Protein backbone atom coordinates (compact mmCIF):
# COMPACT_ATOMS: atom_id res chain seq x y z
CA MET A 1 197.98 42.73 38.21
CA THR A 2 201.68 41.01 38.68
CA THR A 3 201.38 37.44 38.86
CA VAL A 4 205.09 36.28 39.68
CA THR A 5 204.99 35.66 43.55
CA VAL A 6 208.91 34.08 42.73
CA PHE A 7 211.73 34.36 40.84
CA VAL A 8 214.59 31.68 39.92
CA LEU A 9 218.03 32.25 39.66
CA LEU A 10 219.87 29.83 37.22
CA GLY A 11 222.95 30.48 39.17
CA LEU A 12 227.04 29.69 37.50
CA SER A 13 226.35 25.75 37.82
CA ASN A 14 224.23 22.70 38.52
CA ASN A 15 227.01 20.22 39.01
CA PRO A 16 226.74 19.83 42.72
CA GLN A 17 230.67 19.23 43.06
CA VAL A 18 231.22 22.83 41.55
CA GLN A 19 228.84 24.04 43.48
CA ALA A 20 230.81 23.07 46.43
CA LEU A 21 233.78 24.42 45.18
CA LEU A 22 231.97 27.63 44.38
CA PHE A 23 230.63 27.44 47.79
CA VAL A 24 233.99 27.63 49.40
CA LEU A 25 235.63 29.96 47.16
CA PHE A 26 232.90 32.95 46.91
CA LEU A 27 232.15 32.25 51.35
CA ALA A 28 236.30 32.79 51.14
CA ILE A 29 236.29 35.67 48.95
CA TYR A 30 233.11 37.37 51.04
CA LEU A 31 234.94 36.82 54.28
CA LEU A 32 237.84 38.44 53.20
CA THR A 33 236.29 41.35 51.52
CA LEU A 34 234.41 41.82 55.02
CA LEU A 35 237.96 41.70 56.71
CA GLY A 36 239.67 44.12 54.40
CA ASN A 37 236.76 46.27 54.35
CA LEU A 38 235.94 46.83 58.23
CA LEU A 39 239.14 46.85 59.32
CA MET A 40 240.41 49.76 56.85
CA VAL A 41 236.89 51.27 58.39
CA LEU A 42 238.52 50.56 62.06
CA VAL A 43 242.34 52.06 61.35
CA ILE A 44 240.85 55.13 59.63
CA SER A 45 238.28 55.70 62.62
CA THR A 46 241.38 54.67 65.58
CA ASP A 47 244.13 56.26 63.90
CA SER A 48 244.00 60.34 64.56
CA HIS A 49 246.50 60.76 61.58
CA LEU A 50 244.24 59.30 58.91
CA HIS A 51 241.77 61.88 59.98
CA THR A 52 241.84 64.41 57.13
CA PRO A 53 239.09 64.46 54.06
CA MET A 54 240.64 61.57 51.77
CA TYR A 55 240.69 58.86 54.56
CA PHE A 56 237.06 60.65 55.28
CA PHE A 57 236.07 59.94 51.82
CA LEU A 58 237.86 56.19 52.05
CA ARG A 59 236.36 54.92 55.42
CA HIS A 60 232.61 55.56 53.82
CA LEU A 61 233.94 53.66 50.71
CA SER A 62 234.71 51.02 52.71
CA PHE A 63 231.93 50.68 54.39
CA LEU A 64 230.44 51.03 51.12
CA ASP A 65 231.59 48.13 49.61
CA ALA A 66 231.38 46.07 52.60
CA PHE A 67 227.90 46.55 52.77
CA TYR A 68 227.50 46.04 48.64
CA SER A 69 229.27 42.54 48.98
CA SER A 70 226.75 41.38 51.38
CA ILE A 71 223.52 42.73 49.22
CA ILE A 72 225.03 39.92 46.53
CA VAL A 73 227.23 37.17 47.81
CA PRO A 74 225.03 35.75 51.21
CA LYS A 75 222.04 34.58 48.60
CA LEU A 76 225.07 33.74 46.03
CA LEU A 77 225.94 31.04 49.11
CA GLU A 78 222.66 30.30 50.09
CA ASN A 79 221.66 29.28 46.38
CA LEU A 80 224.69 26.71 45.87
CA LEU A 81 224.07 24.63 48.51
CA SER A 82 220.17 24.90 48.01
CA LYS A 83 218.41 22.55 45.18
CA GLU A 84 215.48 25.28 45.09
CA LYS A 85 217.16 28.29 43.84
CA THR A 86 214.06 30.90 44.16
CA ILE A 87 213.96 34.01 45.45
CA SER A 88 210.92 36.38 46.38
CA PHE A 89 209.56 39.01 44.65
CA LEU A 90 210.18 41.36 47.55
CA GLU A 91 213.31 39.92 48.17
CA CYS A 92 214.36 40.56 44.10
CA PHE A 93 213.22 43.82 43.74
CA THR A 94 215.04 44.72 47.25
CA GLN A 95 218.25 43.55 45.39
CA ILE A 96 217.74 45.32 42.95
CA SER A 97 217.39 48.51 44.50
CA LEU A 98 220.34 48.12 46.80
CA VAL A 99 222.40 47.19 44.11
CA ILE A 100 221.38 50.18 42.46
CA PHE A 101 222.15 52.56 45.60
CA SER A 102 224.96 51.00 45.65
CA GLY A 103 226.50 51.80 42.87
CA ALA A 104 225.23 55.00 42.17
CA THR A 105 226.43 56.26 46.17
CA GLU A 106 229.97 54.29 44.99
CA ALA A 107 230.04 56.57 42.02
CA CYS A 108 229.40 59.64 43.93
CA LEU A 109 232.45 58.84 46.42
CA LEU A 110 234.84 57.99 43.38
CA SER A 111 234.20 61.59 42.26
CA VAL A 112 234.54 63.01 45.83
CA MET A 113 237.47 61.90 46.72
CA ALA A 114 239.17 62.86 43.04
CA TYR A 115 237.88 66.27 43.70
CA ASP A 116 239.31 66.36 47.06
CA ARG A 117 242.74 65.25 45.23
CA PHE A 118 242.56 68.11 42.86
CA GLN A 119 242.19 70.80 45.45
CA ALA A 120 245.15 68.70 47.79
CA VAL A 121 247.47 68.94 44.62
CA CYS A 122 246.10 72.27 42.66
CA HIS A 123 245.19 74.54 45.66
CA PRO A 124 247.42 73.37 48.44
CA LEU A 125 247.19 76.58 50.51
CA LEU A 126 243.26 76.53 50.18
CA TYR A 127 242.60 73.09 50.81
CA VAL A 128 241.99 73.07 54.86
CA VAL A 129 239.65 75.94 54.50
CA VAL A 130 237.88 74.76 51.20
CA MET A 131 237.31 71.01 52.44
CA ASN A 132 236.74 71.98 56.10
CA ARG A 133 234.65 69.23 57.50
CA ARG A 134 230.94 70.94 57.07
CA VAL A 135 232.37 70.49 53.46
CA CYS A 136 233.49 66.96 53.81
CA ALA A 137 229.85 65.79 55.19
CA GLY A 138 228.28 67.27 52.53
CA LEU A 139 229.76 66.01 50.09
CA VAL A 140 228.89 62.22 51.78
CA GLY A 141 225.38 62.80 52.67
CA SER A 142 224.56 64.14 49.51
CA SER A 143 227.00 61.08 47.76
CA TRP A 144 224.31 58.59 49.96
CA ALA A 145 221.23 60.65 49.47
CA ILE A 146 221.82 60.51 45.33
CA GLY A 147 222.34 56.80 45.85
CA ILE A 148 218.72 56.21 47.80
CA GLY A 149 217.00 58.52 45.51
CA THR A 150 218.20 56.79 42.36
CA GLY A 151 217.91 52.65 44.14
CA LEU A 152 214.05 53.73 44.32
CA ILE A 153 213.34 55.88 41.45
CA ASN A 154 214.48 53.16 39.26
CA THR A 155 212.50 50.13 41.52
CA LEU A 156 209.67 51.68 41.81
CA LEU A 157 209.63 52.16 37.78
CA LEU A 158 210.61 48.17 37.40
CA ALA A 159 207.90 47.69 40.19
CA GLN A 160 204.96 48.71 38.00
CA GLN A 161 205.62 46.82 34.95
CA HIS A 162 203.22 43.40 34.71
CA PHE A 163 205.40 39.87 35.46
CA CYS A 164 203.42 37.16 34.20
CA GLY A 165 206.21 34.45 33.72
CA PRO A 166 208.45 32.72 32.14
CA ASN A 167 210.47 33.51 35.92
CA ILE A 168 213.59 32.38 35.23
CA ILE A 169 216.34 34.93 35.88
CA ARG A 170 219.47 33.94 33.89
CA SER A 171 222.60 35.34 36.27
CA PHE A 172 223.28 34.73 40.14
CA ALA A 173 221.94 37.77 41.33
CA CYS A 174 218.23 39.56 40.90
CA GLU A 175 219.62 42.57 38.37
CA LEU A 176 217.86 45.11 36.51
CA PRO A 177 218.71 43.55 32.69
CA PRO A 178 217.89 40.52 33.36
CA VAL A 179 215.12 40.71 34.87
CA LEU A 180 213.82 43.64 32.63
CA LEU A 181 213.75 40.66 30.09
CA LEU A 182 210.58 39.53 31.89
CA THR A 183 208.43 41.62 31.78
CA CYS A 184 204.63 40.81 30.04
CA SER A 185 204.49 45.00 29.88
CA ASN A 186 206.04 47.49 28.00
CA PRO A 187 209.57 47.94 29.17
CA CYS A 188 210.10 51.87 28.12
CA THR A 189 209.70 53.18 31.23
CA SER A 190 212.28 51.23 33.02
CA ILE A 191 214.67 51.44 29.93
CA ALA A 192 214.39 55.52 30.21
CA SER A 193 214.83 55.73 33.97
CA ILE A 194 217.88 53.44 33.81
CA LEU A 195 219.06 54.99 30.23
CA THR A 196 218.89 58.55 32.23
CA THR A 197 220.30 57.70 35.34
CA MET A 198 223.20 55.99 33.87
CA SER A 199 223.28 59.12 31.05
CA VAL A 200 223.47 62.01 34.11
CA LEU A 201 225.05 59.76 37.21
CA GLY A 202 227.28 58.06 35.24
CA LEU A 203 228.62 60.15 33.05
CA GLY A 204 228.36 63.45 35.17
CA THR A 205 230.64 61.59 37.63
CA LEU A 206 232.56 60.72 34.77
CA VAL A 207 233.54 63.83 33.60
CA LEU A 208 234.23 65.63 37.00
CA LEU A 209 236.83 62.44 37.25
CA LEU A 210 238.22 63.20 34.28
CA GLY A 211 238.28 67.20 34.68
CA SER A 212 240.03 66.40 38.44
CA TYR A 213 242.75 64.14 36.84
CA SER A 214 243.13 66.60 34.29
CA CYS A 215 244.53 69.05 36.14
CA ILE A 216 245.90 66.97 38.52
CA ILE A 217 247.76 65.21 35.95
CA THR A 218 249.09 69.09 34.56
CA THR A 219 250.12 70.99 37.79
CA ALA A 220 251.65 67.83 38.32
CA LEU A 221 254.27 67.69 35.31
CA ARG A 222 254.99 71.99 36.03
CA ILE A 223 256.57 70.97 39.06
CA ASN A 224 260.73 71.12 38.51
CA SER A 225 261.08 68.26 40.89
CA ALA A 226 261.25 64.83 40.78
CA THR A 227 260.31 63.61 44.16
CA GLY A 228 257.41 66.26 44.25
CA ARG A 229 255.99 64.20 41.49
CA ASN A 230 256.67 61.33 42.76
CA LYS A 231 254.10 62.04 45.59
CA ILE A 232 251.49 63.16 43.54
CA PHE A 233 251.22 60.03 41.05
CA SER A 234 251.64 58.00 44.43
CA THR A 235 248.95 59.67 46.95
CA CYS A 236 246.38 59.36 43.08
CA SER A 237 247.82 56.19 41.52
CA SER A 238 245.54 54.34 44.14
CA HIS A 239 242.37 55.97 43.74
CA PHE A 240 242.74 56.04 40.23
CA LEU A 241 243.22 52.43 39.97
CA MET A 242 240.06 52.19 41.65
CA VAL A 243 238.35 54.40 39.33
CA THR A 244 239.31 52.67 36.66
CA ILE A 245 238.20 49.01 37.82
CA PHE A 246 234.68 50.09 38.96
CA TYR A 247 234.42 51.93 35.65
CA THR A 248 235.01 49.33 33.41
CA SER A 249 233.80 46.86 35.03
CA GLY A 250 230.37 48.57 35.23
CA VAL A 251 229.97 50.43 31.64
CA LEU A 252 230.63 46.92 30.45
CA ARG A 253 227.79 45.00 32.36
CA TYR A 254 225.65 47.36 31.53
CA MET A 255 226.30 48.78 27.69
CA ILE A 256 226.49 44.64 27.08
CA PRO A 257 222.16 43.21 26.61
CA ALA A 258 221.29 41.26 29.50
CA SER A 259 221.02 37.69 27.66
CA GLY A 260 222.74 35.40 30.46
CA SER A 261 226.12 34.64 28.20
CA ALA A 262 229.09 33.92 30.61
CA LEU A 263 230.40 37.26 29.87
CA GLU A 264 227.79 38.60 31.04
CA GLN A 265 228.00 36.08 33.79
CA VAL A 266 231.88 37.13 34.44
CA LEU A 267 231.01 40.94 34.46
CA SER A 268 228.72 40.55 36.42
CA MET A 269 231.07 38.49 39.46
CA GLN A 270 233.93 41.55 38.38
CA TYR A 271 231.34 43.90 39.49
CA SER A 272 229.29 43.19 42.78
CA VAL A 273 232.09 40.49 43.69
CA ILE A 274 235.23 40.91 43.20
CA THR A 275 235.92 44.44 42.51
CA PRO A 276 234.85 44.92 46.50
CA LEU A 277 237.39 42.92 47.54
CA LEU A 278 240.22 44.72 45.65
CA ASN A 279 239.29 47.80 46.83
CA PRO A 280 241.00 47.45 50.34
CA LEU A 281 243.80 45.85 49.15
CA ILE A 282 244.67 48.76 46.69
CA TYR A 283 244.70 50.91 49.22
CA SER A 284 246.75 48.96 51.73
CA LEU A 285 249.31 47.27 49.03
CA LYS A 286 250.08 51.06 47.61
CA ASN A 287 249.43 53.51 50.34
CA GLN A 288 252.12 53.85 52.48
CA GLU A 289 249.97 56.00 55.17
CA VAL A 290 247.66 52.72 55.86
CA LYS A 291 250.50 50.67 56.21
CA VAL A 292 252.41 52.06 58.90
CA ALA A 293 248.79 53.16 60.74
CA LEU A 294 247.73 49.38 60.70
CA GLY A 295 250.85 48.53 61.80
CA ARG A 296 250.56 51.36 64.76
CA MET A 297 247.30 49.70 65.52
CA LEU A 298 248.78 46.03 65.34
CA ALA A 299 251.70 47.48 67.96
CA ARG A 300 248.49 48.89 70.39
CA LYS A 301 247.23 45.05 70.35
CA SER A 302 250.33 43.44 71.27
CA ARG A 303 251.11 45.79 74.34
CA LEU A 304 247.90 45.51 75.84
CA PRO A 305 247.54 42.88 79.04
CA LEU A 306 246.57 39.62 78.68
C-alpha cells in the first residue's frame, strides 16, 4: 500500500556557497576517516606484536567505523552537489538498516572490548586461556550477527508502514526517527521495536561496560605500585573515551524527539560522521603500542627498494 517512491532529504543548507564549503569539509573528514581506520586495520594485521585479543577487536571496530562512515557520507556529498536531493524508497530503507546494524554491532564490540580488558586486568593468569582465539572469534561473530538481526528486524517492521506523503525528511540522511514522522499508519510496532532494541541491547551492553570498568577500577586501586595503576589506566583510557563518545552521542540522538531541529542535526553529525573519525585518532595518539607499530611499518616501507 506504500505510495511514496522517493524521499527528499532537506540536508544542511540551501545556500550554494555554504554547500560548496560543506562539501569540501565533509570530503576531507570522510577521507581522513577512511585513512585512519583502514591504516589501523593494516597496522594491526601486519604487526605480529599487535596480534592480541584487544587489537583483534580493535581491528574489527576500525573496519566497522570505515564502513559506517561510508553509509552516510557519500550520499551526503552527492546531495550537497545535487539540486534534487532525493533518495529512493529502497535506498533509504537500506541506509536505515545499515545504520542500525552498524550502531548495534559497535555497541556489542565496545562491550566485548571492555570484557577483554576486565579479564586482562582482573584475571591476568587466566587471560590467555579465557580469551583464546576461538572465544575471540565467537565474540566478534556474535556481535556482527546481533547487529545484522537488529538492523533487519527494525527495518522490516518499518517497511510495513504506509507512507502516503509528505516525503520530506528533515535530516541529511535516512534515519529511523525522522522517517517515522512520515508514516500515515500507526507506528506503534516500529516504536516498540526500537525501544525494545535500545532497552535490551543498549542497556545490556552498558551494564556490561559499567560492570567491567567497575571491576577494573577496583582492581587498579588495590595495586600499591603507582606504575602498575598508571599502566592499567593508560591501557583502558582510550577505550573508555571511545565508549563515552559513542554512548553520549548515540543516547542523545535517539532520546531527543525527532523534529529536524539544529540540535538534532548536530547530534546526528556527531554520531554518524565525527565519531568514526575520532576513534582511530584516540587510539593512535593515546596508545603507545600502536604508535610504535606504525613506526615499524613506516620503517619497513622506507627500506624497500625503489
